[in-house]
Amino acid sequence: MTPSPAARLVPTYMIFSESEAETTSIREGFWSNEGGWGDYTEATRFSEAEKQAFLLPGSARSDAKWGTLASVAPFFQEQDERAAKATARSAPSP
């Protein structure tokens, strides 16, 4: 089913880079047309039509990709799990 013209204009896509997220402690892996790589709240939202016309920006490992919040959520969940395990390993034994 082809989306209607109005549906293609709804800004639902973001640009995400795991390598950019991994280079900062606060995981700033989202692209902003105004500020470059930053956090989710600053990310530029793109419509389907804009996605088709916009070239992906450069990133640390050339891994920038289109996504939605749902598609990048597993990356953040994995990062949180790794951090929790690292914290548990470094905690002193009782």
C-alpha atoms as a PDB file:
ATOM      1  CA  MET A   1       0.000   0.000   0.000  1.00  0.00           C
ATOM      2  CA  THR A   2       1.427   3.380  -0.999  1.00  0.00           C
ATOM      3  CA  PRO A   3       1.162   6.105   1.657  1.00  0.00           C
ATOM      4  CA  SER A   4      -0.977   9.107   0.828  1.00  0.00           C
ATOM      5  CA  PRO A   5       0.802  12.373  -0.094  1.00  0.00           C
ATOM      6  CA  ALA A   6      -0.104  13.802   3.315  1.00  0.00           C
ATOM      7  CA  ALA A   7       1.356  10.773   5.109  1.00  0.00           C
ATOM      8  CA  ARG A   8       4.650  11.183   3.255  1.00  0.00           C
ATOM      9  CA  LEU A   9       4.998  14.689   4.728  1.00  0.00           C
ATOM     10  CA  VAL A  10       4.742  13.598   8.370  1.00  0.00           C
ATOM     11  CA  PRO A  11       8.232  13.966   9.886  1.00  0.00           C
ATOM     12  CA  THR A  12       8.900  10.521  11.286  1.00  0.00           C
ATOM     13  CA  TYR A  13      12.507   9.778  10.368  1.00  0.00           C
ATOM     14  CA  MET A  14      15.772  10.717  12.044  1.00  0.00           C
ATOM     15  CA  ILE A  15      19.401  10.128  11.164  1.00  0.00           C
ATOM     16  CA  PHE A  16      21.316   8.024  13.670  1.00  0.00           C
ATOM     17  CA  SER A  17      24.946   6.910  13.973  1.00  0.00           C
ATOM     18  CA  GLU A  18      26.129   4.314  16.493  1.00  0.00           C
ATOM     19  CA  SER A  19      29.722   5.523  16.161  1.00  0.00           C
ATOM     20  CA  GLU A  20      28.737   9.095  16.985  1.00  0.00           C
ATOM     21  CA  ALA A  21      26.649   7.877  19.935  1.00  0.00           C
ATOM     22  CA  GLU A  22      29.574   5.818  21.244  1.00  0.00           C
ATOM     23  CA  THR A  23      32.029   8.726  21.145  1.00  0.00           C
ATOM     24  CA  THR A  24      30.242  10.724  23.855  1.00  0.00           C
ATOM     25  CA  SER A  25      29.217   9.790  27.379  1.00  0.00           C
ATOM     26  CA  ILE A  26      25.694  11.059  26.768  1.00  0.00           C
ATOM     27  CA  ARG A  27      25.319   9.153  23.488  1.00  0.00           C
ATOM     28  CA  GLU A  28      24.739  12.007  21.081  1.00  0.00           C
ATOM     29  CA  GLY A  29      24.145   9.978  17.949  1.00  0.00           C
ATOM     30  CA  PHE A  30      21.290  11.901  16.331  1.00  0.00           C
ATOM     31  CA  TRP A  31      21.671  14.373  13.462  1.00  0.00           C
ATOM     32  CA  SER A  32      20.455  17.972  13.662  1.00  0.00           C
ATOM     33  CA  ASN A  33      20.544  20.171  10.570  1.00  0.00           C
ATOM     34  CA  GLU A  34      21.242  23.132  12.870  1.00  0.00           C
ATOM     35  CA  GLY A  35      23.831  21.690  15.247  1.00  0.00           C
ATOM     36  CA  GLY A  36      25.264  18.526  13.721  1.00  0.00           C
ATOM     37  CA  TRP A  37      25.474  15.421  15.913  1.00  0.00           C
ATOM     38  CA  GLY A  38      23.540  15.774  19.146  1.00  0.00           C
ATOM     39  CA  ASP A  39      20.941  14.189  21.369  1.00  0.00           C
ATOM     40  CA  TYR A  40      17.498  12.888  20.513  1.00  0.00           C
ATOM     41  CA  THR A  41      15.682  16.044  21.585  1.00  0.00           C
ATOM     42  CA  GLU A  42      17.645  18.149  19.077  1.00  0.00           C
ATOM     43  CA  ALA A  43      17.378  15.700  16.168  1.00  0.00           C
ATOM     44  CA  THR A  44      15.871  16.984  12.948  1.00  0.00           C
ATOM     45  CA  ARG A  45      12.750  15.046  11.986  1.00  0.00           C
ATOM     46  CA  PHE A  46      12.362  14.239   8.301  1.00  0.00           C
ATOM     47  CA  SER A  47       9.352  13.291   6.201  1.00  0.00           C
ATOM     48  CA  GLU A  48       9.497  10.421   3.720  1.00  0.00           C
ATOM     49  CA  ALA A  49       9.953  12.944   0.887  1.00  0.00           C
ATOM     50  CA  GLU A  50      12.802  14.700   2.734  1.00  0.00           C
ATOM     51  CA  LYS A  51      14.415  11.340   3.479  1.00  0.00           C
ATOM     52  CA  GLN A  52      14.481  10.572  -0.236  1.00  0.00           C
ATOM     53  CA  ALA A  53      16.108  13.932  -1.068  1.00  0.00           C
ATOM     54  CA  PHE A  54      18.606  14.296   1.812  1.00  0.00           C
ATOM     55  CA  LEU A  55      22.140  12.885   1.704  1.00  0.00           C
ATOM     56  CA  LEU A  56      23.337  11.256   4.909  1.00  0.00           C
ATOM     57  CA  PRO A  57      26.007  13.247   6.782  1.00  0.00           C
ATOM     58  CA  GLY A  58      29.469  11.911   7.524  1.00  0.00           C
ATOM     59  CA  SER A  59      30.050  10.068  10.786  1.00  0.00           C
ATOM     60  CA  ALA A  60      33.011   8.568  12.648  1.00  0.00           C
ATOM     61  CA  ARG A  61      32.656   5.140  10.989  1.00  0.00           C
ATOM     62  CA  SER A  62      30.502   6.167   8.013  1.00  0.00           C
ATOM     63  CA  ASP A  63      27.568   4.400   9.668  1.00  0.00           C
ATOM     64  CA  ALA A  64      24.890   7.112   9.581  1.00  0.00           C
ATOM     65  CA  LYS A  65      21.514   5.626   8.722  1.00  0.00           C
ATOM     66  CA  TRP A  66      17.863   6.513   8.592  1.00  0.00           C
ATOM     67  CA  GLY A  67      15.722   5.351  11.459  1.00  0.00           C
ATOM     68  CA  THR A  68      12.798   5.898  13.735  1.00  0.00           C
ATOM     69  CA  LEU A  69      12.917   5.933  17.511  1.00  0.00           C
ATOM     70  CA  ALA A  70      11.666   2.339  17.499  1.00  0.00           C
ATOM     71  CA  SER A  71      14.448   1.222  15.162  1.00  0.00           C
ATOM     72  CA  VAL A  72      17.270   2.725  17.256  1.00  0.00           C
ATOM     73  CA  ALA A  73      15.846   1.783  20.667  1.00  0.00           C
ATOM     74  CA  PRO A  74      17.609  -1.640  20.712  1.00  0.00           C
ATOM     75  CA  PHE A  75      20.999   0.124  20.495  1.00  0.00           C
ATOM     76  CA  PHE A  76      20.249   2.183  23.595  1.00  0.00           C
ATOM     77  CA  GLN A  77      18.842  -0.816  25.463  1.00  0.00           C
ATOM     78  CA  GLU A  78      22.046  -2.752  24.734  1.00  0.00           C
ATOM     79  CA  GLN A  79      24.172   0.182  25.898  1.00  0.00           C
ATOM     80  CA  ASP A  80      22.186   0.437  29.149  1.00  0.00           C
ATOM     81  CA  GLU A  81      22.592  -3.306  29.774  1.00  0.00           C
ATOM     82  CA  ARG A  82      26.361  -3.089  29.190  1.00  0.00           C
ATOM     83  CA  ALA A  83      26.635  -0.147  31.580  1.00  0.00           C
ATOM     84  CA  ALA A  84      24.648  -1.992  34.262  1.00  0.00           C
ATOM     85  CA  LYS A  85      26.900  -5.068  33.938  1.00  0.00           C
ATOM     86  CA  ALA A  86      30.042  -2.938  34.114  1.00  0.00           C
ATOM     87  CA  THR A  87      28.730  -1.176  37.216  1.00  0.00           C
ATOM     88  CA  ALA A  88      27.864  -4.508  38.845  1.00  0.00           C
ATOM     89  CA  ARG A  89      31.367  -5.884  38.133  1.00  0.00           C
ATOM     90  CA  SER A  90      33.073  -2.827  39.583  1.00  0.00           C
ATOM     91  CA  ALA A  91      30.915  -2.650  42.731  1.00  0.00           C
ATOM     92  CA  PRO A  92      32.704  -3.792  45.908  1.00  0.00           C
ATOM     93  CA  SER A  93      31.596  -7.158  47.281  1.00  0.00           C
ATOM     94  CA  PRO A  94      29.586  -7.051  50.541  1.00  0.00           C
END
